[in-house]
Amino acid sequence: MTESSLPARSRLVHDALRAAGIPGEIVVLPDAASTAVLAAEALGVEVGAIANSLVFWSDGEPLLVMTSGAHRVDTAALAARLGRTSIRRATPDQVRDATGQAIGGVAPTGHPAPLVTVVDEDLARHPEVWAAGGTPHTVFPLTFDELVRVTGGTVLKVD
């Protein structure tokens, strides 16, 4: 699929990837892959290789957590590691305001402004990870190091 035929949100992600020197191509899936399990099944990869983009609200600002699809984020432990008062799930409106994208399709990049980001250290175990491409139908591959670089994220244990 050519960049120009991608959905508008995915074109923004594509442009951000290219600006960061990341070559992975955005793939449009026939069915929505709005969960890590669905994405892993569609791609034929382990669920742990899915880089889930979860948006939280923490100390008055959005916090993007890129977690392995095999994990649940321990918000209390993560708040302590980050020295934050609390971390709670962002509302759908907060997610869209912060990322320009809908829940189930949030990419690690292509947002209106950079987000404070945490990257799950366990994603480093996979030679290739897959992240959402701005819509529930789009995904793209990248390495752990590329994920950290494109997000400017802090690598931490999240579960």
Protein backbone atom coordinates (compact mmCIF):
# COMPACT_ATOMS: atom_id res chain seq x y z
CA MET A 1 0.00 0.00 0.00
CA THR A 2 1.35 3.40 -0.87
CA GLU A 3 1.64 6.14 1.72
CA SER A 4 -0.92 8.26 -0.12
CA SER A 5 -3.58 5.53 0.11
CA LEU A 6 -3.27 5.21 3.89
CA PRO A 7 -5.93 6.67 6.22
CA ALA A 8 -5.15 10.28 7.21
CA ARG A 9 -4.10 9.35 10.77
CA SER A 10 -1.78 6.66 9.43
CA ARG A 11 -0.18 9.11 6.98
CA LEU A 12 0.80 11.27 9.97
CA VAL A 13 2.35 8.21 11.61
CA HIS A 14 4.12 7.29 8.37
CA ASP A 15 5.58 10.79 8.10
CA ALA A 16 6.76 10.73 11.73
CA LEU A 17 8.40 7.32 11.18
CA ARG A 18 10.23 8.54 8.09
CA ALA A 19 11.34 11.71 9.88
CA ALA A 20 12.84 9.46 12.58
CA GLY A 21 14.56 7.26 9.97
CA ILE A 22 12.39 4.23 10.70
CA PRO A 23 11.78 2.16 7.55
CA GLY A 24 8.86 -0.06 8.70
CA GLU A 25 5.87 0.06 6.36
CA ILE A 26 2.37 0.52 7.70
CA VAL A 27 0.18 -2.50 6.97
CA VAL A 28 -3.59 -2.20 6.64
CA LEU A 29 -5.33 -5.24 8.13
CA PRO A 30 -8.66 -6.48 6.76
CA ASP A 31 -10.15 -6.60 10.27
CA ALA A 32 -9.61 -4.25 13.18
CA ALA A 33 -6.84 -5.33 15.53
CA SER A 34 -7.83 -3.15 18.47
CA THR A 35 -6.37 -5.52 21.08
CA ALA A 36 -2.95 -7.14 21.40
CA VAL A 37 -4.47 -10.60 21.00
CA LEU A 38 -6.28 -9.66 17.78
CA ALA A 39 -3.18 -7.97 16.38
CA ALA A 40 -0.96 -10.95 17.22
CA GLU A 41 -3.43 -13.36 15.59
CA ALA A 42 -3.67 -11.21 12.45
CA LEU A 43 0.11 -10.94 12.15
CA GLY A 44 1.03 -14.48 13.23
CA VAL A 45 3.32 -13.26 16.03
CA GLU A 46 3.49 -13.77 19.79
CA VAL A 47 1.22 -11.47 21.76
CA GLY A 48 4.32 -10.28 23.66
CA ALA A 49 5.68 -8.78 20.41
CA ILE A 50 2.74 -6.39 20.18
CA ALA A 51 3.66 -2.95 21.50
CA ASN A 52 0.36 -1.83 23.02
CA SER A 53 -0.07 1.95 23.18
CA LEU A 54 -1.92 2.76 26.39
CA VAL A 55 -2.69 6.34 27.33
CA PHE A 56 -2.99 7.22 30.99
CA TRP A 57 -3.57 10.46 32.85
CA SER A 58 -0.92 11.25 35.43
CA ASP A 59 -0.37 14.37 37.48
CA GLY A 60 -2.40 16.51 35.10
CA GLU A 61 -0.89 15.30 31.82
CA PRO A 62 -1.13 12.38 29.40
CA LEU A 63 1.34 9.52 29.80
CA LEU A 64 1.85 7.05 26.95
CA VAL A 65 2.88 3.57 28.03
CA MET A 66 4.16 1.25 25.31
CA THR A 67 3.69 -2.14 26.92
CA SER A 68 4.13 -5.70 25.74
CA GLY A 69 0.78 -7.18 24.75
CA ALA A 70 1.53 -9.95 27.25
CA HIS A 71 1.45 -7.52 30.21
CA ARG A 72 -0.94 -5.46 32.22
CA VAL A 73 0.41 -2.16 33.51
CA ASP A 74 0.74 -1.99 37.31
CA THR A 75 -0.20 1.66 37.62
CA ALA A 76 0.67 1.95 41.34
CA ALA A 77 4.13 0.45 40.84
CA LEU A 78 4.75 2.52 37.72
CA ALA A 79 3.68 5.72 39.49
CA ALA A 80 6.18 4.94 42.26
CA ARG A 81 8.97 4.25 39.73
CA LEU A 82 8.25 7.55 37.98
CA GLY A 83 7.78 9.55 41.20
CA ARG A 84 4.22 10.47 40.23
CA THR A 85 1.22 10.91 42.47
CA SER A 86 -1.05 8.61 40.47
CA ILE A 87 -1.63 7.04 37.09
CA ARG A 88 -5.13 6.27 35.83
CA ARG A 89 -6.59 5.31 32.47
CA ALA A 90 -7.30 8.30 30.26
CA THR A 91 -10.83 8.78 29.02
CA PRO A 92 -11.53 8.27 25.31
CA ASP A 93 -11.72 12.08 24.90
CA GLN A 94 -8.38 12.55 26.69
CA VAL A 95 -6.81 9.89 24.45
CA ARG A 96 -8.07 11.59 21.28
CA ASP A 97 -7.06 15.06 22.52
CA ALA A 98 -3.54 13.89 23.41
CA THR A 99 -2.87 11.68 20.38
CA GLY A 100 -5.32 12.68 17.65
CA GLN A 101 -6.11 8.94 17.48
CA ALA A 102 -8.83 6.67 18.83
CA ILE A 103 -8.38 3.97 21.46
CA GLY A 104 -7.46 0.73 19.72
CA GLY A 105 -5.37 2.47 17.08
CA VAL A 106 -3.03 4.73 19.05
CA ALA A 107 0.42 4.77 17.50
CA PRO A 108 3.63 5.51 19.39
CA THR A 109 4.13 8.63 17.23
CA GLY A 110 2.27 11.01 14.92
CA HIS A 111 0.62 12.91 17.77
CA PRO A 112 -0.13 16.66 17.81
CA ALA A 113 2.69 17.10 20.37
CA PRO A 114 5.24 14.71 21.90
CA LEU A 115 3.97 12.72 24.89
CA VAL A 116 5.87 11.66 27.97
CA THR A 117 6.38 7.97 27.21
CA VAL A 118 7.40 4.83 29.05
CA VAL A 119 8.52 1.78 27.06
CA ASP A 120 8.13 -1.67 28.63
CA GLU A 121 11.58 -3.22 29.05
CA ASP A 122 10.19 -6.65 28.13
CA LEU A 123 9.63 -5.54 24.53
CA ALA A 124 13.44 -5.69 24.14
CA ARG A 125 13.17 -9.50 24.08
CA HIS A 126 11.65 -9.42 20.63
CA PRO A 127 13.77 -8.73 17.53
CA GLU A 128 10.75 -7.06 15.96
CA VAL A 129 7.69 -5.53 17.60
CA TRP A 130 4.45 -4.34 16.03
CA ALA A 131 2.63 -1.16 16.98
CA ALA A 132 -0.65 0.43 15.93
CA GLY A 133 -0.41 2.75 12.96
CA GLY A 134 -2.94 5.41 13.97
CA THR A 135 -6.15 3.42 13.37
CA PRO A 136 -7.46 0.04 14.62
CA HIS A 137 -6.82 -1.37 11.12
CA THR A 138 -3.18 -0.31 10.75
CA VAL A 139 0.05 -1.65 12.25
CA PHE A 140 3.76 -1.41 11.53
CA PRO A 141 6.96 -3.23 12.54
CA LEU A 142 9.98 -1.73 14.24
CA THR A 143 12.77 -2.74 16.57
CA PHE A 144 12.81 -2.05 20.30
CA ASP A 145 15.58 0.52 19.82
CA GLU A 146 13.56 2.27 17.11
CA LEU A 147 10.52 2.34 19.42
CA VAL A 148 12.54 3.96 22.19
CA ARG A 149 14.06 6.45 19.75
CA VAL A 150 10.80 7.47 18.02
CA THR A 151 8.99 7.98 21.35
CA GLY A 152 11.88 9.44 23.33
CA GLY A 153 10.63 6.99 25.94
CA THR A 154 12.05 5.91 29.26
CA VAL A 155 12.60 2.14 29.46
CA LEU A 156 11.08 0.66 32.62
CA LYS A 157 9.39 -2.41 34.05
CA VAL A 158 5.66 -1.74 33.76
CA ASP A 159 4.03 -4.87 35.21
